[in-house]
Amino acid sequence: MPLTLERGALDADVINDAGRIDLQILARTLDLTVPELAAIVHSSARTVNKNPDAKSLQPAAQKLVHFMNDLTSALGERRFAIYWLNTPQRELKDETPLMWLRKGRLDDVAGYVDAFIRMQPD
């Protein structure tokens, strides 16, 4: 049974015909390498390369896609969301959200994105 997500800016590009997120495509979409994205979703590059839409990878991939969809919507374009990922944030001890993701802090970054979006004017 395919996994379902709210429809967002990244979905058409990263969700395959089986309804799953393809992590190889997601890596390219976010300007990341497969090893970088594999670390973010707590996997190995080998696993992502061998089975890029594995069921075991979907929960973390969904979380990442969900907050990137939200960021893209809040900031207007995907490129701005990717730029934001690479911009140091005072609240993250002057590190970038991507640095935190690389440290395995996906849940922390997801929470920070949620708080960031709630602070944006309508």
PDB file of N, CA and C in Angstrom:
ATOM      1  N   MET A   1       0.848  -1.173   0.000  1.00  0.00           N
ATOM      2  CA  MET A   1       0.000   0.000   0.000  1.00  0.00           C
ATOM      3  C   MET A   1       0.895   1.237   0.000  1.00  0.00           C
ATOM      4  N   PRO A   2       0.703   2.184  -0.931  1.00  0.00           N
ATOM      5  CA  PRO A   2       1.536   3.381  -0.985  1.00  0.00           C
ATOM      6  C   PRO A   2       1.332   4.270   0.230  1.00  0.00           C
ATOM      7  N   LEU A   3       2.410   4.912   0.628  1.00  0.00           N
ATOM      8  CA  LEU A   3       2.333   5.883   1.713  1.00  0.00           C
ATOM      9  C   LEU A   3       1.722   7.160   1.174  1.00  0.00           C
ATOM     10  N   THR A   4       1.014   7.879   2.025  1.00  0.00           N
ATOM     11  CA  THR A   4       0.391   9.108   1.564  1.00  0.00           C
ATOM     12  C   THR A   4       0.979  10.300   2.305  1.00  0.00           C
ATOM     13  N   LEU A   5       1.100  11.389   1.591  1.00  0.00           N
ATOM     14  CA  LEU A   5       1.588  12.653   2.129  1.00  0.00           C
ATOM     15  C   LEU A   5       0.614  13.736   1.734  1.00  0.00           C
ATOM     16  N   GLU A   6       0.615  14.813   2.476  1.00  0.00           N
ATOM     17  CA  GLU A   6      -0.089  15.982   1.989  1.00  0.00           C
ATOM     18  C   GLU A   6       0.626  16.421   0.722  1.00  0.00           C
ATOM     19  N   ARG A   7      -0.117  16.878  -0.246  1.00  0.00           N
ATOM     20  CA  ARG A   7       0.504  17.299  -1.499  1.00  0.00           C
ATOM     21  C   ARG A   7       1.248  18.603  -1.258  1.00  0.00           C
ATOM     22  N   GLY A   8       2.487  18.635  -1.719  1.00  0.00           N
ATOM     23  CA  GLY A   8       3.315  19.817  -1.545  1.00  0.00           C
ATOM     24  C   GLY A   8       4.231  20.022  -2.729  1.00  0.00           C
ATOM     25  N   ALA A   9       5.060  21.028  -2.626  1.00  0.00           N
ATOM     26  CA  ALA A   9       5.918  21.455  -3.717  1.00  0.00           C
ATOM     27  C   ALA A   9       6.891  20.383  -4.195  1.00  0.00           C
ATOM     28  N   LEU A  10       7.366  19.523  -3.313  1.00  0.00           N
ATOM     29  CA  LEU A  10       8.348  18.517  -3.697  1.00  0.00           C
ATOM     30  C   LEU A  10       7.726  17.213  -4.175  1.00  0.00           C
ATOM     31  N   ASP A  11       6.483  16.990  -3.841  1.00  0.00           N
ATOM     32  CA  ASP A  11       5.882  15.675  -4.019  1.00  0.00           C
ATOM     33  C   ASP A  11       5.972  15.131  -5.438  1.00  0.00           C
ATOM     34  N   ALA A  12       5.608  15.919  -6.431  1.00  0.00           N
ATOM     35  CA  ALA A  12       5.604  15.427  -7.810  1.00  0.00           C
ATOM     36  C   ALA A  12       6.994  14.995  -8.253  1.00  0.00           C
ATOM     37  N   ASP A  13       8.015  15.621  -7.698  1.00  0.00           N
ATOM     38  CA  ASP A  13       9.382  15.307  -8.091  1.00  0.00           C
ATOM     39  C   ASP A  13       9.953  14.099  -7.373  1.00  0.00           C
ATOM     40  N   VAL A  14       9.541  13.843  -6.150  1.00  0.00           N
ATOM     41  CA  VAL A  14      10.226  12.824  -5.343  1.00  0.00           C
ATOM     42  C   VAL A  14       9.398  11.582  -5.048  1.00  0.00           C
ATOM     43  N   ILE A  15       8.112  11.603  -5.307  1.00  0.00           N
ATOM     44  CA  ILE A  15       7.268  10.433  -5.060  1.00  0.00           C
ATOM     45  C   ILE A  15       7.152   9.624  -6.347  1.00  0.00           C
ATOM     46  N   ASN A  16       7.509   8.352  -6.245  1.00  0.00           N
ATOM     47  CA  ASN A  16       7.510   7.504  -7.439  1.00  0.00           C
ATOM     48  C   ASN A  16       6.124   6.912  -7.706  1.00  0.00           C
ATOM     49  N   ASP A  17       6.036   6.078  -8.736  1.00  0.00           N
ATOM     50  CA  ASP A  17       4.754   5.488  -9.129  1.00  0.00           C
ATOM     51  C   ASP A  17       4.160   4.583  -8.059  1.00  0.00           C
ATOM     52  N   ALA A  18       5.002   4.063  -7.178  1.00  0.00           N
ATOM     53  CA  ALA A  18       4.514   3.206  -6.092  1.00  0.00           C
ATOM     54  C   ALA A  18       3.992   4.031  -4.916  1.00  0.00           C
ATOM     55  N   GLY A  19       4.090   5.358  -5.011  1.00  0.00           N
ATOM     56  CA  GLY A  19       3.622   6.225  -3.939  1.00  0.00           C
ATOM     57  C   GLY A  19       4.623   6.424  -2.826  1.00  0.00           C
ATOM     58  N   ARG A  20       5.867   6.061  -3.085  1.00  0.00           N
ATOM     59  CA  ARG A  20       6.917   6.202  -2.076  1.00  0.00           C
ATOM     60  C   ARG A  20       7.912   7.279  -2.496  1.00  0.00           C
ATOM     61  N   ILE A  21       8.573   7.836  -1.485  1.00  0.00           N
ATOM     62  CA  ILE A  21       9.622   8.819  -1.736  1.00  0.00           C
ATOM     63  C   ILE A  21      10.860   8.083  -2.211  1.00  0.00           C
ATOM     64  N   ASP A  22      11.413   8.527  -3.333  1.00  0.00           N
ATOM     65  CA  ASP A  22      12.662   7.976  -3.865  1.00  0.00           C
ATOM     66  C   ASP A  22      13.794   8.843  -3.314  1.00  0.00           C
ATOM     67  N   LEU A  23      14.612   8.272  -2.455  1.00  0.00           N
ATOM     68  CA  LEU A  23      15.639   9.069  -1.779  1.00  0.00           C
ATOM     69  C   LEU A  23      16.779   9.506  -2.695  1.00  0.00           C
ATOM     70  N   GLN A  24      17.026   8.787  -3.765  1.00  0.00           N
ATOM     71  CA  GLN A  24      18.030   9.262  -4.727  1.00  0.00           C
ATOM     72  C   GLN A  24      17.546  10.548  -5.384  1.00  0.00           C
ATOM     73  N   ILE A  25      16.294  10.563  -5.765  1.00  0.00           N
ATOM     74  CA  ILE A  25      15.721  11.768  -6.380  1.00  0.00           C
ATOM     75  C   ILE A  25      15.625  12.880  -5.350  1.00  0.00           C
ATOM     76  N   LEU A  26      15.233  12.542  -4.128  1.00  0.00           N
ATOM     77  CA  LEU A  26      15.151  13.546  -3.072  1.00  0.00           C
ATOM     78  C   LEU A  26      16.507  14.196  -2.836  1.00  0.00           C
ATOM     79  N   ALA A  27      17.564  13.408  -2.823  1.00  0.00           N
ATOM     80  CA  ALA A  27      18.911  13.960  -2.635  1.00  0.00           C
ATOM     81  C   ALA A  27      19.219  14.981  -3.720  1.00  0.00           C
ATOM     82  N   ARG A  28      18.972  14.623  -4.965  1.00  0.00           N
ATOM     83  CA  ARG A  28      19.234  15.569  -6.075  1.00  0.00           C
ATOM     84  C   ARG A  28      18.362  16.815  -5.948  1.00  0.00           C
ATOM     85  N   THR A  29      17.113  16.623  -5.567  1.00  0.00           N
ATOM     86  CA  THR A  29      16.169  17.738  -5.459  1.00  0.00           C
ATOM     87  C   THR A  29      16.618  18.738  -4.401  1.00  0.00           C
ATOM     88  N   LEU A  30      17.221  18.240  -3.333  1.00  0.00           N
ATOM     89  CA  LEU A  30      17.658  19.101  -2.227  1.00  0.00           C
ATOM     90  C   LEU A  30      19.137  19.494  -2.323  1.00  0.00           C
ATOM     91  N   ASP A  31      19.761  19.189  -3.449  1.00  0.00           N
ATOM     92  CA  ASP A  31      21.185  19.494  -3.651  1.00  0.00           C
ATOM     93  C   ASP A  31      22.063  18.821  -2.603  1.00  0.00           C
ATOM     94  N   LEU A  32      21.735  17.579  -2.280  1.00  0.00           N
ATOM     95  CA  LEU A  32      22.515  16.782  -1.335  1.00  0.00           C
ATOM     96  C   LEU A  32      23.102  15.584  -2.068  1.00  0.00           C
ATOM     97  N   THR A  33      24.149  15.018  -1.510  1.00  0.00           N
ATOM     98  CA  THR A  33      24.651  13.757  -2.028  1.00  0.00           C
ATOM     99  C   THR A  33      23.849  12.624  -1.394  1.00  0.00           C
ATOM    100  N   VAL A  34      23.882  11.464  -2.013  1.00  0.00           N
ATOM    101  CA  VAL A  34      23.202  10.308  -1.431  1.00  0.00           C
ATOM    102  C   VAL A  34      23.773   9.985  -0.046  1.00  0.00           C
ATOM    103  N   PRO A  35      25.107   9.998   0.153  1.00  0.00           N
ATOM    104  CA  PRO A  35      25.608   9.746   1.510  1.00  0.00           C
ATOM    105  C   PRO A  35      25.108  10.771   2.542  1.00  0.00           C
ATOM    106  N   GLU A  36      25.000  12.042   2.150  1.00  0.00           N
ATOM    107  CA  GLU A  36      24.483  13.054   3.081  1.00  0.00           C
ATOM    108  C   GLU A  36      23.044  12.732   3.466  1.00  0.00           C
ATOM    109  N   LEU A  37      22.207  12.463   2.460  1.00  0.00           N
ATOM    110  CA  LEU A  37      20.804  12.184   2.750  1.00  0.00           C
ATOM    111  C   LEU A  37      20.654  10.878   3.523  1.00  0.00           C
ATOM    112  N   ALA A  38      21.459   9.893   3.190  1.00  0.00           N
ATOM    113  CA  ALA A  38      21.399   8.621   3.920  1.00  0.00           C
ATOM    114  C   ALA A  38      21.671   8.839   5.407  1.00  0.00           C
ATOM    115  N   ALA A  39      22.660   9.659   5.717  1.00  0.00           N
ATOM    116  CA  ALA A  39      22.960   9.948   7.122  1.00  0.00           C
ATOM    117  C   ALA A  39      21.788  10.656   7.799  1.00  0.00           C
ATOM    118  N   ILE A  40      21.152  11.557   7.089  1.00  0.00           N
ATOM    119  CA  ILE A  40      20.015  12.312   7.642  1.00  0.00           C
ATOM    120  C   ILE A  40      18.865  11.377   8.001  1.00  0.00           C
ATOM    121  N   VAL A  41      18.634  10.350   7.177  1.00  0.00           N
ATOM    122  CA  VAL A  41      17.529   9.427   7.444  1.00  0.00           C
ATOM    123  C   VAL A  41      17.996   8.174   8.190  1.00  0.00           C
ATOM    124  N   HIS A  42      19.215   8.256   8.763  1.00  0.00           N
ATOM    125  CA  HIS A  42      19.766   7.177   9.589  1.00  0.00           C
ATOM    126  C   HIS A  42      19.895   5.860   8.823  1.00  0.00           C
ATOM    127  N   SER A  43      20.495   5.961   7.649  1.00  0.00           N
ATOM    128  CA  SER A  43      20.714   4.786   6.825  1.00  0.00           C
ATOM    129  C   SER A  43      22.115   4.863   6.239  1.00  0.00           C
ATOM    130  N   SER A  44      22.399   3.983   5.307  1.00  0.00           N
ATOM    131  CA  SER A  44      23.696   4.010   4.627  1.00  0.00           C
ATOM    132  C   SER A  44      23.485   4.371   3.160  1.00  0.00           C
ATOM    133  N   ALA A  45      24.517   4.919   2.551  1.00  0.00           N
ATOM    134  CA  ALA A  45      24.440   5.242   1.126  1.00  0.00           C
ATOM    135  C   ALA A  45      24.183   3.972   0.321  1.00  0.00           C
ATOM    136  N   ARG A  46      24.771   2.885   0.748  1.00  0.00           N
ATOM    137  CA  ARG A  46      24.571   1.623   0.039  1.00  0.00           C
ATOM    138  C   ARG A  46      23.093   1.227   0.021  1.00  0.00           C
ATOM    139  N   THR A  47      22.444   1.339   1.174  1.00  0.00           N
ATOM    140  CA  THR A  47      21.017   1.008   1.258  1.00  0.00           C
ATOM    141  C   THR A  47      20.198   1.919   0.363  1.00  0.00           C
ATOM    142  N   VAL A  48      20.470   3.217   0.413  1.00  0.00           N
ATOM    143  CA  VAL A  48      19.713   4.170  -0.409  1.00  0.00           C
ATOM    144  C   VAL A  48      19.944   3.901  -1.886  1.00  0.00           C
ATOM    145  N   ASN A  49      21.174   3.608  -2.256  1.00  0.00           N
ATOM    146  CA  ASN A  49      21.455   3.331  -3.664  1.00  0.00           C
ATOM    147  C   ASN A  49      20.829   2.019  -4.127  1.00  0.00           C
ATOM    148  N   LYS A  50      20.821   1.022  -3.260  1.00  0.00           N
ATOM    149  CA  LYS A  50      20.277  -0.292  -3.624  1.00  0.00           C
ATOM    150  C   LYS A  50      18.750  -0.287  -3.675  1.00  0.00           C
ATOM    151  N   ASN A  51      18.127   0.397  -2.721  1.00  0.00           N
ATOM    152  CA  ASN A  51      16.665   0.404  -2.622  1.00  0.00           C
ATOM    153  C   ASN A  51      16.204   1.795  -2.192  1.00  0.00           C
ATOM    154  N   PRO A  52      16.209   2.761  -3.116  1.00  0.00           N
ATOM    155  CA  PRO A  52      15.966   4.156  -2.757  1.00  0.00           C
ATOM    156  C   PRO A  52      14.569   4.469  -2.232  1.00  0.00           C
ATOM    157  N   ASP A  53      13.635   3.548  -2.399  1.00  0.00           N
ATOM    158  CA  ASP A  53      12.288   3.797  -1.870  1.00  0.00           C
ATOM    159  C   ASP A  53      11.884   2.750  -0.836  1.00  0.00           C
ATOM    160  N   ALA A  54      12.873   2.205  -0.130  1.00  0.00           N
ATOM    161  CA  ALA A  54      12.600   1.178   0.882  1.00  0.00           C
ATOM    162  C   ALA A  54      11.588   1.676   1.914  1.00  0.00           C
ATOM    163  N   LYS A  55      10.704   0.779   2.320  1.00  0.00           N
ATOM    164  CA  LYS A  55       9.697   1.131   3.327  1.00  0.00           C
ATOM    165  C   LYS A  55      10.344   1.633   4.608  1.00  0.00           C
ATOM    166  N   SER A  56      11.474   1.053   4.969  1.00  0.00           N
ATOM    167  CA  SER A  56      12.130   1.435   6.220  1.00  0.00           C
ATOM    168  C   SER A  56      12.644   2.872   6.195  1.00  0.00           C
ATOM    169  N   LEU A  57      12.844   3.425   5.007  1.00  0.00           N
ATOM    170  CA  LEU A  57      13.346   4.797   4.872  1.00  0.00           C
ATOM    171  C   LEU A  57      12.227   5.837   4.838  1.00  0.00           C
ATOM    172  N   GLN A  58      11.005   5.383   4.644  1.00  0.00           N
ATOM    173  CA  GLN A  58       9.906   6.308   4.401  1.00  0.00           C
ATOM    174  C   GLN A  58       9.553   7.235   5.573  1.00  0.00           C
ATOM    175  N   PRO A  59       9.505   6.767   6.816  1.00  0.00           N
ATOM    176  CA  PRO A  59       9.118   7.697   7.890  1.00  0.00           C
ATOM    177  C   PRO A  59      10.031   8.927   7.993  1.00  0.00           C
ATOM    178  N   ALA A  60      11.330   8.728   7.970  1.00  0.00           N
ATOM    179  CA  ALA A  60      12.253   9.870   8.044  1.00  0.00           C
ATOM    180  C   ALA A  60      12.175  10.699   6.774  1.00  0.00           C
ATOM    181  N   ALA A  61      12.067  10.042   5.628  1.00  0.00           N
ATOM    182  CA  ALA A  61      11.964  10.772   4.363  1.00  0.00           C
ATOM    183  C   ALA A  61      10.687  11.615   4.334  1.00  0.00           C
ATOM    184  N   GLN A  62       9.588  11.055   4.838  1.00  0.00           N
ATOM    185  CA  GLN A  62       8.326  11.802   4.888  1.00  0.00           C
ATOM    186  C   GLN A  62       8.461  13.058   5.754  1.00  0.00           C
ATOM    187  N   LYS A  63       9.124  12.908   6.897  1.00  0.00           N
ATOM    188  CA  LYS A  63       9.306  14.048   7.789  1.00  0.00           C
ATOM    189  C   LYS A  63      10.103  15.146   7.077  1.00  0.00           C
ATOM    190  N   LEU A  64      11.176  14.757   6.390  1.00  0.00           N
ATOM    191  CA  LEU A  64      12.007  15.708   5.669  1.00  0.00           C
ATOM    192  C   LEU A  64      11.229  16.377   4.538  1.00  0.00           C
ATOM    193  N   VAL A  65      10.525  15.601   3.752  1.00  0.00           N
ATOM    194  CA  VAL A  65       9.733  16.157   2.649  1.00  0.00           C
ATOM    195  C   VAL A  65       8.638  17.072   3.190  1.00  0.00           C
ATOM    196  N   HIS A  66       8.011  16.664   4.270  1.00  0.00           N
ATOM    197  CA  HIS A  66       6.934  17.478   4.845  1.00  0.00           C
ATOM    198  C   HIS A  66       7.452  18.860   5.246  1.00  0.00           C
ATOM    199  N   PHE A  67       8.564  18.918   5.974  1.00  0.00           N
ATOM    200  CA  PHE A  67       9.009  20.249   6.391  1.00  0.00           C
ATOM    201  C   PHE A  67       9.631  21.027   5.237  1.00  0.00           C
ATOM    202  N   MET A  68      10.177  20.336   4.241  1.00  0.00           N
ATOM    203  CA  MET A  68      10.667  21.073   3.072  1.00  0.00           C
ATOM    204  C   MET A  68       9.500  21.622   2.248  1.00  0.00           C
ATOM    205  N   ASN A  69       8.396  20.881   2.190  1.00  0.00           N
ATOM    206  CA  ASN A  69       7.188  21.404   1.546  1.00  0.00           C
ATOM    207  C   ASN A  69       6.700  22.651   2.283  1.00  0.00           C
ATOM    208  N   ASP A  70       6.664  22.573   3.606  1.00  0.00           N
ATOM    209  CA  ASP A  70       6.220  23.714   4.407  1.00  0.00           C
ATOM    210  C   ASP A  70       7.138  24.917   4.217  1.00  0.00           C
ATOM    211  N   LEU A  71       8.445  24.676   4.224  1.00  0.00           N
ATOM    212  CA  LEU A  71       9.410  25.769   4.023  1.00  0.00           C
ATOM    213  C   LEU A  71       9.254  26.389   2.645  1.00  0.00           C
ATOM    214  N   THR A  72       9.109  25.546   1.633  1.00  0.00           N
ATOM    215  CA  THR A  72       8.943  26.039   0.269  1.00  0.00           C
ATOM    216  C   THR A  72       7.692  26.896   0.167  1.00  0.00           C
ATOM    217  N   SER A  73       6.635  26.453   0.786  1.00  0.00           N
ATOM    218  CA  SER A  73       5.394  27.224   0.779  1.00  0.00           C
ATOM    219  C   SER A  73       5.574  28.556   1.502  1.00  0.00           C
ATOM    220  N   ALA A  74       6.228  28.538   2.657  1.00  0.00           N
ATOM    221  CA  ALA A  74       6.412  29.762   3.443  1.00  0.00           C
ATOM    222  C   ALA A  74       7.366  30.748   2.771  1.00  0.00           C
ATOM    223  N   LEU A  75       8.394  30.225   2.102  1.00  0.00           N
ATOM    224  CA  LEU A  75       9.422  31.099   1.521  1.00  0.00           C
ATOM    225  C   LEU A  75       9.194  31.386   0.044  1.00  0.00           C
ATOM    226  N   GLY A  76       8.239  30.693  -0.566  1.00  0.00           N
ATOM    227  CA  GLY A  76       7.848  31.013  -1.925  1.00  0.00           C
ATOM    228  C   GLY A  76       8.429  30.155  -3.030  1.00  0.00           C
ATOM    229  N   GLU A  77       9.637  29.643  -2.843  1.00  0.00           N
ATOM    230  CA  GLU A  77      10.269  28.824  -3.875  1.00  0.00           C
ATOM    231  C   GLU A  77      11.184  27.790  -3.231  1.00  0.00           C
ATOM    232  N   ARG A  78      11.352  26.664  -3.909  1.00  0.00           N
ATOM    233  CA  ARG A  78      12.216  25.600  -3.422  1.00  0.00           C
ATOM    234  C   ARG A  78      13.639  26.108  -3.212  1.00  0.00           C
ATOM    235  N   ARG A  79      14.141  26.908  -4.122  1.00  0.00           N
ATOM    236  CA  ARG A  79      15.527  27.371  -3.998  1.00  0.00           C
ATOM    237  C   ARG A  79      15.734  28.183  -2.717  1.00  0.00           C
ATOM    238  N   PHE A  80      14.711  28.918  -2.292  1.00  0.00           N
ATOM    239  CA  PHE A  80      14.824  29.671  -1.045  1.00  0.00           C
ATOM    240  C   PHE A  80      14.837  28.729   0.163  1.00  0.00           C
ATOM    241  N   ALA A  81      14.053  27.656   0.086  1.00  0.00           N
ATOM    242  CA  ALA A  81      14.040  26.668   1.172  1.00  0.00           C
ATOM    243  C   ALA A  81      15.400  25.973   1.272  1.00  0.00           C
ATOM    244  N   ILE A  82      15.995  25.646   0.137  1.00  0.00           N
ATOM    245  CA  ILE A  82      17.318  25.016   0.139  1.00  0.00           C
ATOM    246  C   ILE A  82      18.360  26.001   0.660  1.00  0.00           C
ATOM    247  N   TYR A  83      18.253  27.251   0.262  1.00  0.00           N
ATOM    248  CA  TYR A  83      19.168  28.280   0.776  1.00  0.00           C
ATOM    249  C   TYR A  83      19.028  28.388   2.295  1.00  0.00           C
ATOM    250  N   TRP A  84      17.799  28.377   2.786  1.00  0.00           N
ATOM    251  CA  TRP A  84      17.547  28.464   4.224  1.00  0.00           C
ATOM    252  C   TRP A  84      18.217  27.301   4.955  1.00  0.00           C
ATOM    253  N   LEU A  85      18.157  26.102   4.379  1.00  0.00           N
ATOM    254  CA  LEU A  85      18.812  24.937   5.003  1.00  0.00           C
ATOM    255  C   LEU A  85      20.306  25.162   5.203  1.00  0.00           C
ATOM    256  N   ASN A  86      20.892  25.981   4.344  1.00  0.00           N
ATOM    257  CA  ASN A  86      22.334  26.217   4.361  1.00  0.00           C
ATOM    258  C   ASN A  86      22.720  27.528   5.024  1.00  0.00           C
ATOM    259  N   THR A  87      21.781  28.178   5.681  1.00  0.00           N
ATOM    260  CA  THR A  87      22.020  29.469   6.319  1.00  0.00           C
ATOM    261  C   THR A  87      22.122  29.294   7.832  1.00  0.00           C
ATOM    262  N   PRO A  88      23.212  29.777   8.451  1.00  0.00           N
ATOM    263  CA  PRO A  88      23.333  29.674   9.909  1.00  0.00           C
ATOM    264  C   PRO A  88      22.151  30.355  10.613  1.00  0.00           C
ATOM    265  N   GLN A  89      21.686  29.709  11.668  1.00  0.00           N
ATOM    266  CA  GLN A  89      20.555  30.219  12.441  1.00  0.00           C
ATOM    267  C   GLN A  89      21.005  30.445  13.884  1.00  0.00           C
ATOM    268  N   ARG A  90      20.741  31.611  14.416  1.00  0.00           N
ATOM    269  CA  ARG A  90      21.126  31.927  15.790  1.00  0.00           C
ATOM    270  C   ARG A  90      20.562  30.900  16.766  1.00  0.00           C
ATOM    271  N   GLU A  91      19.319  30.499  16.554  1.00  0.00           N
ATOM    272  CA  GLU A  91      18.661  29.554  17.453  1.00  0.00           C
ATOM    273  C   GLU A  91      19.286  28.158  17.399  1.00  0.00           C
ATOM    274  N   LEU A  92      20.071  27.900  16.369  1.00  0.00           N
ATOM    275  CA  LEU A  92      20.751  26.612  16.237  1.00  0.00           C
ATOM    276  C   LEU A  92      22.239  26.760  16.537  1.00  0.00           C
ATOM    277  N   LYS A  93      22.537  27.698  17.427  1.00  0.00           N
ATOM    278  CA  LYS A  93      23.919  27.957  17.857  1.00  0.00           C
ATOM    279  C   LYS A  93      24.797  28.361  16.674  1.00  0.00           C
ATOM    280  N   ASP A  94      24.216  29.169  15.787  1.00  0.00           N
ATOM    281  CA  ASP A  94      24.892  29.678  14.590  1.00  0.00           C
ATOM    282  C   ASP A  94      25.344  28.582  13.638  1.00  0.00           C
ATOM    283  N   GLU A  95      24.703  27.439  13.710  1.00  0.00           N
ATOM    284  CA  GLU A  95      24.925  26.380  12.744  1.00  0.00           C
ATOM    285  C   GLU A  95      23.761  26.388  11.757  1.00  0.00           C
ATOM    286  N   THR A  96      23.952  25.717  10.634  1.00  0.00           N
ATOM    287  CA  THR A  96      22.881  25.642   9.650  1.00  0.00           C
ATOM    288  C   THR A  96      21.946  24.484   9.999  1.00  0.00           C
ATOM    289  N   PRO A  97      20.690  24.567   9.561  1.00  0.00           N
ATOM    290  CA  PRO A  97      19.798  23.420   9.750  1.00  0.00           C
ATOM    291  C   PRO A  97      20.383  22.154   9.114  1.00  0.00           C
ATOM    292  N   LEU A  98      21.053  22.310   7.975  1.00  0.00           N
ATOM    293  CA  LEU A  98      21.654  21.146   7.336  1.00  0.00           C
ATOM    294  C   LEU A  98      22.731  20.509   8.216  1.00  0.00           C
ATOM    295  N   MET A  99      23.490  21.320   8.920  1.00  0.00           N
ATOM    296  CA  MET A  99      24.494  20.779   9.847  1.00  0.00           C
ATOM    297  C   MET A  99      23.812  19.943  10.928  1.00  0.00           C
ATOM    298  N   TRP A 100      22.694  20.443  11.435  1.00  0.00           N
ATOM    299  CA  TRP A 100      21.956  19.694  12.452  1.00  0.00           C
ATOM    300  C   TRP A 100      21.396  18.400  11.869  1.00  0.00           C
ATOM    301  N   LEU A 101      20.906  18.470  10.633  1.00  0.00           N
ATOM    302  CA  LEU A 101      20.401  17.261   9.990  1.00  0.00           C
ATOM    303  C   LEU A 101      21.504  16.219   9.858  1.00  0.00           C
ATOM    304  N   ARG A 102      22.679  16.680   9.473  1.00  0.00           N
ATOM    305  CA  ARG A 102      23.818  15.758   9.325  1.00  0.00           C
ATOM    306  C   ARG A 102      24.216  15.117  10.654  1.00  0.00           C
ATOM    307  N   LYS A 103      23.908  15.785  11.753  1.00  0.00           N
ATOM    308  CA  LYS A 103      24.205  15.247  13.088  1.00  0.00           C
ATOM    309  C   LYS A 103      23.105  14.317  13.587  1.00  0.00           C
ATOM    310  N   GLY A 104      22.115  14.052  12.730  1.00  0.00           N
ATOM    311  CA  GLY A 104      21.036  13.144  13.122  1.00  0.00           C
ATOM    312  C   GLY A 104      19.920  13.816  13.885  1.00  0.00           C
ATOM    313  N   ARG A 105      19.799  15.120  13.759  1.00  0.00           N
ATOM    314  CA  ARG A 105      18.810  15.862  14.544  1.00  0.00           C
ATOM    315  C   ARG A 105      17.590  16.242  13.700  1.00  0.00           C
ATOM    316  N   LEU A 106      17.088  15.284  12.945  1.00  0.00           N
ATOM    317  CA  LEU A 106      15.941  15.505  12.067  1.00  0.00           C
ATOM    318  C   LEU A 106      14.733  16.018  12.835  1.00  0.00           C
ATOM    319  N   ASP A 107      14.431  15.408  13.967  1.00  0.00           N
ATOM    320  CA  ASP A 107      13.267  15.844  14.751  1.00  0.00           C
ATOM    321  C   ASP A 107      13.446  17.273  15.257  1.00  0.00           C
ATOM    322  N   ASP A 108      14.655  17.616  15.685  1.00  0.00           N
ATOM    323  CA  ASP A 108      14.905  18.980  16.162  1.00  0.00           C
ATOM    324  C   ASP A 108      14.724  19.997  15.045  1.00  0.00           C
ATOM    325  N   VAL A 109      15.232  19.676  13.861  1.00  0.00           N
ATOM    326  CA  VAL A 109      15.102  20.600  12.735  1.00  0.00           C
ATOM    327  C   VAL A 109      13.634  20.696  12.310  1.00  0.00           C
ATOM    328  N   ALA A 110      12.924  19.583  12.312  1.00  0.00           N
ATOM    329  CA  ALA A 110      11.497  19.616  11.971  1.00  0.00           C
ATOM    330  C   ALA A 110      10.735  20.528  12.934  1.00  0.00           C
ATOM    331  N   GLY A 111      11.046  20.435  14.219  1.00  0.00           N
ATOM    332  CA  GLY A 111      10.406  21.316  15.202  1.00  0.00           C
ATOM    333  C   GLY A 111      10.786  22.768  15.007  1.00  0.00           C
ATOM    334  N   TYR A 112      12.041  23.000  14.680  1.00  0.00           N
ATOM    335  CA  TYR A 112      12.502  24.370  14.435  1.00  0.00           C
ATOM    336  C   TYR A 112      11.814  24.950  13.199  1.00  0.00           C
ATOM    337  N   VAL A 113      11.681  24.152  12.160  1.00  0.00           N
ATOM    338  CA  VAL A 113      10.989  24.616  10.946  1.00  0.00           C
ATOM    339  C   VAL A 113       9.551  24.969  11.278  1.00  0.00           C
ATOM    340  N   ASP A 114       8.897  24.127  12.053  1.00  0.00           N
ATOM    341  CA  ASP A 114       7.510  24.397  12.436  1.00  0.00           C
ATOM    342  C   ASP A 114       7.405  25.725  13.184  1.00  0.00           C
ATOM    343  N   ALA A 115       8.300  25.947  14.133  1.00  0.00           N
ATOM    344  CA  ALA A 115       8.290  27.209  14.885  1.00  0.00           C
ATOM    345  C   ALA A 115       8.611  28.391  13.970  1.00  0.00           C
ATOM    346  N   PHE A 116       9.560  28.223  13.072  1.00  0.00           N
ATOM    347  CA  PHE A 116       9.942  29.270  12.128  1.00  0.00           C
ATOM    348  C   PHE A 116       8.740  29.661  11.268  1.00  0.00           C
ATOM    349  N   ILE A 117       8.031  28.687  10.775  1.00  0.00           N
ATOM    350  CA  ILE A 117       6.888  28.956   9.897  1.00  0.00           C
ATOM    351  C   ILE A 117       5.768  29.648  10.661  1.00  0.00           C
ATOM    352  N   ARG A 118       5.537  29.242  11.900  1.00  0.00           N
ATOM    353  CA  ARG A 118       4.485  29.873  12.698  1.00  0.00           C
ATOM    354  C   ARG A 118       4.783  31.344  12.959  1.00  0.00           C
ATOM    355  N   MET A 119       6.069  31.725  12.938  1.00  0.00           N
ATOM    356  CA  MET A 119       6.439  33.124  13.173  1.00  0.00           C
ATOM    357  C   MET A 119       6.332  33.997  11.919  1.00  0.00           C
ATOM    358  N   GLN A 120       6.145  33.361  10.753  1.00  0.00           N
ATOM    359  CA  GLN A 120       6.071  34.123   9.511  1.00  0.00           C
ATOM    360  C   GLN A 120       4.736  34.849   9.412  1.00  0.00           C
ATOM    361  N   PRO A 121       4.775  36.091   8.901  1.00  0.00           N
ATOM    362  CA  PRO A 121       3.498  36.807   8.716  1.00  0.00           C
ATOM    363  C   PRO A 121       2.686  36.156   7.600  1.00  0.00           C
ATOM    364  N   ASP A 122       1.372  36.262   7.712  1.00  0.00           N
ATOM    365  CA  ASP A 122       0.480  35.695   6.674  1.00  0.00           C
ATOM    366  C   ASP A 122       0.522  36.484   5.393  1.00  0.00           C
TER     367      ASP A 122
END
